[in-house]
Amino acid sequence: DAATMTEMLKLDEFRDAAAGLNFHG
């Protein structure tokens, strides 16, 4: 569900700088 998905995507392992650059690009 959306709540669990949000928790997973907030984990530090999925919020590093490379992840941010990839998302914006």
mmCIF file of all heavy atoms, coordinates in Angstrom:
data_MODEL
# 
_entry.id   MODEL 
# 
loop_
_atom_site.group_PDB 
_atom_site.id 
_atom_site.type_symbol 
_atom_site.label_atom_id 
_atom_site.label_alt_id 
_atom_site.label_comp_id 
_atom_site.label_asym_id 
_atom_site.label_entity_id 
_atom_site.label_seq_id 
_atom_site.pdbx_PDB_ins_code 
_atom_site.Cartn_x 
_atom_site.Cartn_y 
_atom_site.Cartn_z 
_atom_site.occupancy 
_atom_site.B_iso_or_equiv 
_atom_site.pdbx_formal_charge 
_atom_site.auth_seq_id 
_atom_site.auth_comp_id 
_atom_site.auth_asym_id 
_atom_site.auth_atom_id 
_atom_site.pdbx_PDB_model_num 
ATOM 1   N N   . ASP A 1 1  ? 0.835  -1.200 0.000   1.00 0.00 ? 1  ASP A N   1 
ATOM 2   C CA  . ASP A 1 1  ? 0.000  0.000  0.000   1.00 0.00 ? 1  ASP A CA  1 
ATOM 3   C C   . ASP A 1 1  ? 0.873  1.254  0.000   1.00 0.00 ? 1  ASP A C   1 
ATOM 4   O O   . ASP A 1 1  ? 2.100  1.191  0.141   1.00 0.00 ? 1  ASP A O   1 
ATOM 5   C CB  . ASP A 1 1  ? -0.944 -0.008 1.196   1.00 0.00 ? 1  ASP A CB  1 
ATOM 6   C CG  . ASP A 1 1  ? -0.200 0.142  2.513   1.00 0.00 ? 1  ASP A CG  1 
ATOM 7   O OD1 . ASP A 1 1  ? 0.849  -0.515 2.677   1.00 0.00 ? 1  ASP A OD1 1 
ATOM 8   O OD2 . ASP A 1 1  ? -0.650 0.903  3.378   1.00 0.00 ? 1  ASP A OD2 1 
ATOM 9   N N   . ALA A 1 2  ? 0.246  2.408  -0.160  1.00 0.00 ? 2  ALA A N   1 
ATOM 10  C CA  . ALA A 1 2  ? 0.981  3.664  -0.295  1.00 0.00 ? 2  ALA A CA  1 
ATOM 11  C C   . ALA A 1 2  ? 1.797  3.992  0.948   1.00 0.00 ? 2  ALA A C   1 
ATOM 12  O O   . ALA A 1 2  ? 2.928  4.484  0.847   1.00 0.00 ? 2  ALA A O   1 
ATOM 13  C CB  . ALA A 1 2  ? 0.003  4.802  -0.599  1.00 0.00 ? 2  ALA A CB  1 
ATOM 14  N N   . ALA A 1 3  ? 1.259  3.717  2.138   1.00 0.00 ? 3  ALA A N   1 
ATOM 15  C CA  . ALA A 1 3  ? 1.968  4.045  3.376   1.00 0.00 ? 3  ALA A CA  1 
ATOM 16  C C   . ALA A 1 3  ? 3.260  3.242  3.504   1.00 0.00 ? 3  ALA A C   1 
ATOM 17  O O   . ALA A 1 3  ? 4.314  3.784  3.855   1.00 0.00 ? 3  ALA A O   1 
ATOM 18  C CB  . ALA A 1 3  ? 1.063  3.795  4.583   1.00 0.00 ? 3  ALA A CB  1 
ATOM 19  N N   . THR A 1 4  ? 3.192  1.943  3.223   1.00 0.00 ? 4  THR A N   1 
ATOM 20  C CA  . THR A 1 4  ? 4.385  1.095  3.298   1.00 0.00 ? 4  THR A CA  1 
ATOM 21  C C   . THR A 1 4  ? 5.385  1.490  2.223   1.00 0.00 ? 4  THR A C   1 
ATOM 22  O O   . THR A 1 4  ? 6.602  1.519  2.453   1.00 0.00 ? 4  THR A O   1 
ATOM 23  C CB  . THR A 1 4  ? 3.998  -0.383 3.144   1.00 0.00 ? 4  THR A CB  1 
ATOM 24  O OG1 . THR A 1 4  ? 3.028  -0.730 4.130   1.00 0.00 ? 4  THR A OG1 1 
ATOM 25  C CG2 . THR A 1 4  ? 5.221  -1.284 3.306   1.00 0.00 ? 4  THR A CG2 1 
ATOM 26  N N   . MET A 1 5  ? 4.881  1.791  1.032   1.00 0.00 ? 5  MET A N   1 
ATOM 27  C CA  . MET A 1 5  ? 5.761  2.236  -0.048  1.00 0.00 ? 5  MET A CA  1 
ATOM 28  C C   . MET A 1 5  ? 6.514  3.497  0.369   1.00 0.00 ? 5  MET A C   1 
ATOM 29  O O   . MET A 1 5  ? 7.729  3.629  0.129   1.00 0.00 ? 5  MET A O   1 
ATOM 30  C CB  . MET A 1 5  ? 4.938  2.509  -1.306  1.00 0.00 ? 5  MET A CB  1 
ATOM 31  C CG  . MET A 1 5  ? 5.756  2.984  -2.493  1.00 0.00 ? 5  MET A CG  1 
ATOM 32  S SD  . MET A 1 5  ? 4.718  3.479  -3.895  1.00 0.00 ? 5  MET A SD  1 
ATOM 33  C CE  . MET A 1 5  ? 3.929  1.925  -4.288  1.00 0.00 ? 5  MET A CE  1 
ATOM 34  N N   . THR A 1 6  ? 5.831  4.420  1.017   1.00 0.00 ? 6  THR A N   1 
ATOM 35  C CA  . THR A 1 6  ? 6.466  5.653  1.468   1.00 0.00 ? 6  THR A CA  1 
ATOM 36  C C   . THR A 1 6  ? 7.561  5.369  2.486   1.00 0.00 ? 6  THR A C   1 
ATOM 37  O O   . THR A 1 6  ? 8.651  5.955  2.432   1.00 0.00 ? 6  THR A O   1 
ATOM 38  C CB  . THR A 1 6  ? 5.411  6.592  2.083   1.00 0.00 ? 6  THR A CB  1 
ATOM 39  O OG1 . THR A 1 6  ? 4.419  6.883  1.109   1.00 0.00 ? 6  THR A OG1 1 
ATOM 40  C CG2 . THR A 1 6  ? 6.051  7.881  2.569   1.00 0.00 ? 6  THR A CG2 1 
ATOM 41  N N   . GLU A 1 7  ? 7.290  4.458  3.426   1.00 0.00 ? 7  GLU A N   1 
ATOM 42  C CA  . GLU A 1 7  ? 8.294  4.104  4.422   1.00 0.00 ? 7  GLU A CA  1 
ATOM 43  C C   . GLU A 1 7  ? 9.546  3.523  3.773   1.00 0.00 ? 7  GLU A C   1 
ATOM 44  O O   . GLU A 1 7  ? 10.669 3.836  4.165   1.00 0.00 ? 7  GLU A O   1 
ATOM 45  C CB  . GLU A 1 7  ? 7.713  3.099  5.425   1.00 0.00 ? 7  GLU A CB  1 
ATOM 46  C CG  . GLU A 1 7  ? 6.766  3.705  6.445   1.00 0.00 ? 7  GLU A CG  1 
ATOM 47  C CD  . GLU A 1 7  ? 6.484  2.735  7.580   1.00 0.00 ? 7  GLU A CD  1 
ATOM 48  O OE1 . GLU A 1 7  ? 7.454  2.198  8.168   1.00 0.00 ? 7  GLU A OE1 1 
ATOM 49  O OE2 . GLU A 1 7  ? 5.297  2.488  7.851   1.00 0.00 ? 7  GLU A OE2 1 
ATOM 50  N N   . MET A 1 8  ? 9.374  2.661  2.782   1.00 0.00 ? 8  MET A N   1 
ATOM 51  C CA  . MET A 1 8  ? 10.522 2.059  2.115   1.00 0.00 ? 8  MET A CA  1 
ATOM 52  C C   . MET A 1 8  ? 11.353 3.107  1.396   1.00 0.00 ? 8  MET A C   1 
ATOM 53  O O   . MET A 1 8  ? 12.583 3.123  1.481   1.00 0.00 ? 8  MET A O   1 
ATOM 54  C CB  . MET A 1 8  ? 10.059 0.981  1.128   1.00 0.00 ? 8  MET A CB  1 
ATOM 55  C CG  . MET A 1 8  ? 9.626  -0.315 1.768   1.00 0.00 ? 8  MET A CG  1 
ATOM 56  S SD  . MET A 1 8  ? 9.452  -1.641 0.559   1.00 0.00 ? 8  MET A SD  1 
ATOM 57  C CE  . MET A 1 8  ? 8.037  -1.051 -0.356  1.00 0.00 ? 8  MET A CE  1 
ATOM 58  N N   . LEU A 1 9  ? 10.687 4.005  0.682   1.00 0.00 ? 9  LEU A N   1 
ATOM 59  C CA  . LEU A 1 9  ? 11.406 4.988  -0.124  1.00 0.00 ? 9  LEU A CA  1 
ATOM 60  C C   . LEU A 1 9  ? 12.051 6.075  0.721   1.00 0.00 ? 9  LEU A C   1 
ATOM 61  O O   . LEU A 1 9  ? 12.906 6.825  0.225   1.00 0.00 ? 9  LEU A O   1 
ATOM 62  C CB  . LEU A 1 9  ? 10.463 5.611  -1.150  1.00 0.00 ? 9  LEU A CB  1 
ATOM 63  C CG  . LEU A 1 9  ? 9.912  4.631  -2.195  1.00 0.00 ? 9  LEU A CG  1 
ATOM 64  C CD1 . LEU A 1 9  ? 8.949  5.338  -3.137  1.00 0.00 ? 9  LEU A CD1 1 
ATOM 65  C CD2 . LEU A 1 9  ? 11.049 3.994  -2.983  1.00 0.00 ? 9  LEU A CD2 1 
ATOM 66  N N   . LYS A 1 10 ? 11.696 6.156  2.017   1.00 0.00 ? 10 LYS A N   1 
ATOM 67  C CA  . LYS A 1 10 ? 12.322 7.116  2.921   1.00 0.00 ? 10 LYS A CA  1 
ATOM 68  C C   . LYS A 1 10 ? 13.562 6.555  3.599   1.00 0.00 ? 10 LYS A C   1 
ATOM 69  O O   . LYS A 1 10 ? 14.271 7.297  4.292   1.00 0.00 ? 10 LYS A O   1 
ATOM 70  C CB  . LYS A 1 10 ? 11.309 7.566  3.986   1.00 0.00 ? 10 LYS A CB  1 
ATOM 71  C CG  . LYS A 1 10 ? 10.271 8.556  3.486   1.00 0.00 ? 10 LYS A CG  1 
ATOM 72  C CD  . LYS A 1 10 ? 9.346  8.994  4.603   1.00 0.00 ? 10 LYS A CD  1 
ATOM 73  C CE  . LYS A 1 10 ? 8.338  10.043 4.110   1.00 0.00 ? 10 LYS A CE  1 
ATOM 74  N NZ  . LYS A 1 10 ? 7.413  10.448 5.205   1.00 0.00 ? 10 LYS A NZ  1 
ATOM 75  N N   . LEU A 1 11 ? 13.838 5.275  3.419   1.00 0.00 ? 11 LEU A N   1 
ATOM 76  C CA  . LEU A 1 11 ? 15.037 4.689  4.015   1.00 0.00 ? 11 LEU A CA  1 
ATOM 77  C C   . LEU A 1 11 ? 16.278 5.369  3.456   1.00 0.00 ? 11 LEU A C   1 
ATOM 78  O O   . LEU A 1 11 ? 16.347 5.711  2.276   1.00 0.00 ? 11 LEU A O   1 
ATOM 79  C CB  . LEU A 1 11 ? 15.094 3.190  3.730   1.00 0.00 ? 11 LEU A CB  1 
ATOM 80  C CG  . LEU A 1 11 ? 14.006 2.318  4.362   1.00 0.00 ? 11 LEU A CG  1 
ATOM 81  C CD1 . LEU A 1 11 ? 14.129 0.876  3.897   1.00 0.00 ? 11 LEU A CD1 1 
ATOM 82  C CD2 . LEU A 1 11 ? 14.068 2.391  5.881   1.00 0.00 ? 11 LEU A CD2 1 
ATOM 83  N N   . ASP A 1 12 ? 17.263 5.576  4.327   1.00 0.00 ? 12 ASP A N   1 
ATOM 84  C CA  . ASP A 1 12 ? 18.485 6.265  3.907   1.00 0.00 ? 12 ASP A CA  1 
ATOM 85  C C   . ASP A 1 12 ? 19.138 5.598  2.710   1.00 0.00 ? 12 ASP A C   1 
ATOM 86  O O   . ASP A 1 12 ? 19.714 6.270  1.847   1.00 0.00 ? 12 ASP A O   1 
ATOM 87  C CB  . ASP A 1 12 ? 19.483 6.322  5.067   1.00 0.00 ? 12 ASP A CB  1 
ATOM 88  C CG  . ASP A 1 12 ? 19.027 7.261  6.177   1.00 0.00 ? 12 ASP A CG  1 
ATOM 89  O OD1 . ASP A 1 12 ? 18.175 8.134  5.882   1.00 0.00 ? 12 ASP A OD1 1 
ATOM 90  O OD2 . ASP A 1 12 ? 19.507 7.115  7.311   1.00 0.00 ? 12 ASP A OD2 1 
ATOM 91  N N   . GLU A 1 13 ? 19.054 4.277  2.638   1.00 0.00 ? 13 GLU A N   1 
ATOM 92  C CA  . GLU A 1 13 ? 19.703 3.547  1.549   1.00 0.00 ? 13 GLU A CA  1 
ATOM 93  C C   . GLU A 1 13 ? 19.100 3.890  0.188   1.00 0.00 ? 13 GLU A C   1 
ATOM 94  O O   . GLU A 1 13 ? 19.729 3.651  -0.846  1.00 0.00 ? 13 GLU A O   1 
ATOM 95  C CB  . GLU A 1 13 ? 19.595 2.044  1.786   1.00 0.00 ? 13 GLU A CB  1 
ATOM 96  C CG  . GLU A 1 13 ? 20.467 1.518  2.915   1.00 0.00 ? 13 GLU A CG  1 
ATOM 97  C CD  . GLU A 1 13 ? 19.868 1.750  4.295   1.00 0.00 ? 13 GLU A CD  1 
ATOM 98  O OE1 . GLU A 1 13 ? 18.726 2.284  4.374   1.00 0.00 ? 13 GLU A OE1 1 
ATOM 99  O OE2 . GLU A 1 13 ? 20.532 1.420  5.293   1.00 0.00 ? 13 GLU A OE2 1 
ATOM 100 N N   . PHE A 1 14 ? 17.895 4.422  0.179   1.00 0.00 ? 14 PHE A N   1 
ATOM 101 C CA  . PHE A 1 14 ? 17.245 4.781  -1.077  1.00 0.00 ? 14 PHE A CA  1 
ATOM 102 C C   . PHE A 1 14 ? 17.096 6.301  -1.234  1.00 0.00 ? 14 PHE A C   1 
ATOM 103 O O   . PHE A 1 14 ? 16.325 6.772  -2.056  1.00 0.00 ? 14 PHE A O   1 
ATOM 104 C CB  . PHE A 1 14 ? 15.871 4.117  -1.163  1.00 0.00 ? 14 PHE A CB  1 
ATOM 105 C CG  . PHE A 1 14 ? 15.930 2.640  -0.951  1.00 0.00 ? 14 PHE A CG  1 
ATOM 106 C CD1 . PHE A 1 14 ? 15.208 2.046  0.064   1.00 0.00 ? 14 PHE A CD1 1 
ATOM 107 C CD2 . PHE A 1 14 ? 16.745 1.837  -1.740  1.00 0.00 ? 14 PHE A CD2 1 
ATOM 108 C CE1 . PHE A 1 14 ? 15.282 0.679  0.285   1.00 0.00 ? 14 PHE A CE1 1 
ATOM 109 C CE2 . PHE A 1 14 ? 16.816 0.475  -1.535  1.00 0.00 ? 14 PHE A CE2 1 
ATOM 110 C CZ  . PHE A 1 14 ? 16.093 -0.108 -0.523  1.00 0.00 ? 14 PHE A CZ  1 
ATOM 111 N N   . ARG A 1 15 ? 17.884 7.067  -0.398  1.00 0.00 ? 15 ARG A N   1 
ATOM 112 C CA  . ARG A 1 15 ? 17.784 8.525  -0.477  1.00 0.00 ? 15 ARG A CA  1 
ATOM 113 C C   . ARG A 1 15 ? 19.165 9.173  -0.602  1.00 0.00 ? 15 ARG A C   1 
ATOM 114 O O   . ARG A 1 15 ? 19.331 10.335 -0.259  1.00 0.00 ? 15 ARG A O   1 
ATOM 115 C CB  . ARG A 1 15 ? 17.108 9.086  0.783   1.00 0.00 ? 15 ARG A CB  1 
ATOM 116 C CG  . ARG A 1 15 ? 15.646 8.701  0.910   1.00 0.00 ? 15 ARG A CG  1 
ATOM 117 C CD  . ARG A 1 15 ? 14.937 9.617  1.893   1.00 0.00 ? 15 ARG A CD  1 
ATOM 118 N NE  . ARG A 1 15 ? 15.561 9.575  3.222   1.00 0.00 ? 15 ARG A NE  1 
ATOM 119 C CZ  . ARG A 1 15 ? 15.378 10.500 4.148   1.00 0.00 ? 15 ARG A CZ  1 
ATOM 120 N NH1 . ARG A 1 15 ? 14.621 11.554 3.896   1.00 0.00 ? 15 ARG A NH1 1 
ATOM 121 N NH2 . ARG A 1 15 ? 15.958 10.390 5.324   1.00 0.00 ? 15 ARG A NH2 1 
ATOM 122 N N   . ASP A 1 16 ? 20.140 8.431  -1.109  1.00 0.00 ? 16 ASP A N   1 
ATOM 123 C CA  . ASP A 1 16 ? 21.475 9.011  -1.216  1.00 0.00 ? 16 ASP A CA  1 
ATOM 124 C C   . ASP A 1 16 ? 21.543 10.004 -2.375  1.00 0.00 ? 16 ASP A C   1 
ATOM 125 O O   . ASP A 1 16 ? 20.597 10.184 -3.134  1.00 0.00 ? 16 ASP A O   1 
ATOM 126 C CB  . ASP A 1 16 ? 22.546 7.918  -1.366  1.00 0.00 ? 16 ASP A CB  1 
ATOM 127 C CG  . ASP A 1 16 ? 22.333 7.057  -2.599  1.00 0.00 ? 16 ASP A CG  1 
ATOM 128 O OD1 . ASP A 1 16 ? 21.685 7.528  -3.548  1.00 0.00 ? 16 ASP A OD1 1 
ATOM 129 O OD2 . ASP A 1 16 ? 22.825 5.913  -2.611  1.00 0.00 ? 16 ASP A OD2 1 
ATOM 130 N N   . ALA A 1 17 ? 22.686 10.664 -2.500  1.00 0.00 ? 17 ALA A N   1 
ATOM 131 C CA  . ALA A 1 17 ? 22.836 11.718 -3.510  1.00 0.00 ? 17 ALA A CA  1 
ATOM 132 C C   . ALA A 1 17 ? 22.661 11.182 -4.917  1.00 0.00 ? 17 ALA A C   1 
ATOM 133 O O   . ALA A 1 17 ? 22.031 11.816 -5.770  1.00 0.00 ? 17 ALA A O   1 
ATOM 134 C CB  . ALA A 1 17 ? 24.207 12.370 -3.363  1.00 0.00 ? 17 ALA A CB  1 
ATOM 135 N N   . ALA A 1 18 ? 23.200 9.984  -5.176  1.00 0.00 ? 18 ALA A N   1 
ATOM 136 C CA  . ALA A 1 18 ? 23.089 9.401  -6.521  1.00 0.00 ? 18 ALA A CA  1 
ATOM 137 C C   . ALA A 1 18 ? 21.638 9.126  -6.866  1.00 0.00 ? 18 ALA A C   1 
ATOM 138 O O   . ALA A 1 18 ? 21.200 9.328  -8.000  1.00 0.00 ? 18 ALA A O   1 
ATOM 139 C CB  . ALA A 1 18 ? 23.909 8.115  -6.613  1.00 0.00 ? 18 ALA A CB  1 
ATOM 140 N N   . ALA A 1 19 ? 20.877 8.693  -5.855  1.00 0.00 ? 19 ALA A N   1 
ATOM 141 C CA  . ALA A 1 19 ? 19.459 8.435  -6.096  1.00 0.00 ? 19 ALA A CA  1 
ATOM 142 C C   . ALA A 1 19 ? 18.738 9.720  -6.473  1.00 0.00 ? 19 ALA A C   1 
ATOM 143 O O   . ALA A 1 19 ? 17.898 9.745  -7.378  1.00 0.00 ? 19 ALA A O   1 
ATOM 144 C CB  . ALA A 1 19 ? 18.819 7.818  -4.857  1.00 0.00 ? 19 ALA A CB  1 
ATOM 145 N N   . GLY A 1 20 ? 19.084 10.843 -5.771  1.00 0.00 ? 20 GLY A N   1 
ATOM 146 C CA  . GLY A 1 20 ? 18.450 12.107 -6.083  1.00 0.00 ? 20 GLY A CA  1 
ATOM 147 C C   . GLY A 1 20 ? 18.777 12.597 -7.476  1.00 0.00 ? 20 GLY A C   1 
ATOM 148 O O   . GLY A 1 20 ? 17.911 13.072 -8.210  1.00 0.00 ? 20 GLY A O   1 
ATOM 149 N N   . LEU A 1 21 ? 20.040 12.466 -7.860  1.00 0.00 ? 21 LEU A N   1 
ATOM 150 C CA  . LEU A 1 21 ? 20.438 12.887 -9.200  1.00 0.00 ? 21 LEU A CA  1 
ATOM 151 C C   . LEU A 1 21 ? 19.737 12.066 -10.268 1.00 0.00 ? 21 LEU A C   1 
ATOM 152 O O   . LEU A 1 21 ? 19.292 12.585 -11.294 1.00 0.00 ? 21 LEU A O   1 
ATOM 153 C CB  . LEU A 1 21 ? 21.959 12.768 -9.350  1.00 0.00 ? 21 LEU A CB  1 
ATOM 154 C CG  . LEU A 1 21 ? 22.801 13.793 -8.573  1.00 0.00 ? 21 LEU A CG  1 
ATOM 155 C CD1 . LEU A 1 21 ? 24.279 13.448 -8.682  1.00 0.00 ? 21 LEU A CD1 1 
ATOM 156 C CD2 . LEU A 1 21 ? 22.532 15.200 -9.084  1.00 0.00 ? 21 LEU A CD2 1 
ATOM 157 N N   . ASN A 1 22 ? 19.616 10.755 -10.015 1.00 0.00 ? 22 ASN A N   1 
ATOM 158 C CA  . ASN A 1 22 ? 18.959 9.878  -10.984 1.00 0.00 ? 22 ASN A CA  1 
ATOM 159 C C   . ASN A 1 22 ? 17.478 10.226 -11.117 1.00 0.00 ? 22 ASN A C   1 
ATOM 160 O O   . ASN A 1 22 ? 16.920 10.258 -12.217 1.00 0.00 ? 22 ASN A O   1 
ATOM 161 C CB  . ASN A 1 22 ? 19.112 8.412  -10.569 1.00 0.00 ? 22 ASN A CB  1 
ATOM 162 C CG  . ASN A 1 22 ? 18.567 7.458  -11.615 1.00 0.00 ? 22 ASN A CG  1 
ATOM 163 O OD1 . ASN A 1 22 ? 19.021 7.466  -12.749 1.00 0.00 ? 22 ASN A OD1 1 
ATOM 164 N ND2 . ASN A 1 22 ? 17.609 6.630  -11.220 1.00 0.00 ? 22 ASN A ND2 1 
ATOM 165 N N   . PHE A 1 23 ? 16.840 10.549 -9.984  1.00 0.00 ? 23 PHE A N   1 
ATOM 166 C CA  . PHE A 1 23 ? 15.415 10.884 -10.014 1.00 0.00 ? 23 PHE A CA  1 
ATOM 167 C C   . PHE A 1 23 ? 15.177 12.191 -10.779 1.00 0.00 ? 23 PHE A C   1 
ATOM 168 O O   . PHE A 1 23 ? 14.278 12.295 -11.612 1.00 0.00 ? 23 PHE A O   1 
ATOM 169 C CB  . PHE A 1 23 ? 14.870 10.996 -8.591  1.00 0.00 ? 23 PHE A CB  1 
ATOM 170 C CG  . PHE A 1 23 ? 13.428 11.421 -8.526  1.00 0.00 ? 23 PHE A CG  1 
ATOM 171 C CD1 . PHE A 1 23 ? 12.426 10.545 -8.897  1.00 0.00 ? 23 PHE A CD1 1 
ATOM 172 C CD2 . PHE A 1 23 ? 13.079 12.692 -8.122  1.00 0.00 ? 23 PHE A CD2 1 
ATOM 173 C CE1 . PHE A 1 23 ? 11.091 10.927 -8.855  1.00 0.00 ? 23 PHE A CE1 1 
ATOM 174 C CE2 . PHE A 1 23 ? 11.756 13.085 -8.078  1.00 0.00 ? 23 PHE A CE2 1 
ATOM 175 C CZ  . PHE A 1 23 ? 10.767 12.193 -8.442  1.00 0.00 ? 23 PHE A CZ  1 
ATOM 176 N N   . HIS A 1 24 ? 16.025 13.202 -10.503 1.00 0.00 ? 24 HIS A N   1 
ATOM 177 C CA  . HIS A 1 24 ? 15.848 14.487 -11.188 1.00 0.00 ? 24 HIS A CA  1 
ATOM 178 C C   . HIS A 1 24 ? 16.180 14.375 -12.668 1.00 0.00 ? 24 HIS A C   1 
ATOM 179 O O   . HIS A 1 24 ? 15.593 15.085 -13.500 1.00 0.00 ? 24 HIS A O   1 
ATOM 180 C CB  . HIS A 1 24 ? 16.717 15.560 -10.533 1.00 0.00 ? 24 HIS A CB  1 
ATOM 181 C CG  . HIS A 1 24 ? 16.231 15.992 -9.193  1.00 0.00 ? 24 HIS A CG  1 
ATOM 182 N ND1 . HIS A 1 24 ? 15.025 16.628 -9.005  1.00 0.00 ? 24 HIS A ND1 1 
ATOM 183 C CD2 . HIS A 1 24 ? 16.775 15.858 -7.953  1.00 0.00 ? 24 HIS A CD2 1 
ATOM 184 C CE1 . HIS A 1 24 ? 14.844 16.885 -7.720  1.00 0.00 ? 24 HIS A CE1 1 
ATOM 185 N NE2 . HIS A 1 24 ? 15.895 16.422 -7.053  1.00 0.00 ? 24 HIS A NE2 1 
ATOM 186 N N   . GLY A 1 25 ? 17.105 13.479 -13.014 1.00 0.00 ? 25 GLY A N   1 
ATOM 187 C CA  . GLY A 1 25 ? 17.519 13.357 -14.405 1.00 0.00 ? 25 GLY A CA  1 
ATOM 188 C C   . GLY A 1 25 ? 16.604 12.500 -15.254 1.00 0.00 ? 25 GLY A C   1 
ATOM 189 O O   . GLY A 1 25 ? 16.356 12.797 -16.427 1.00 0.00 ? 25 GLY A O   1 
# 
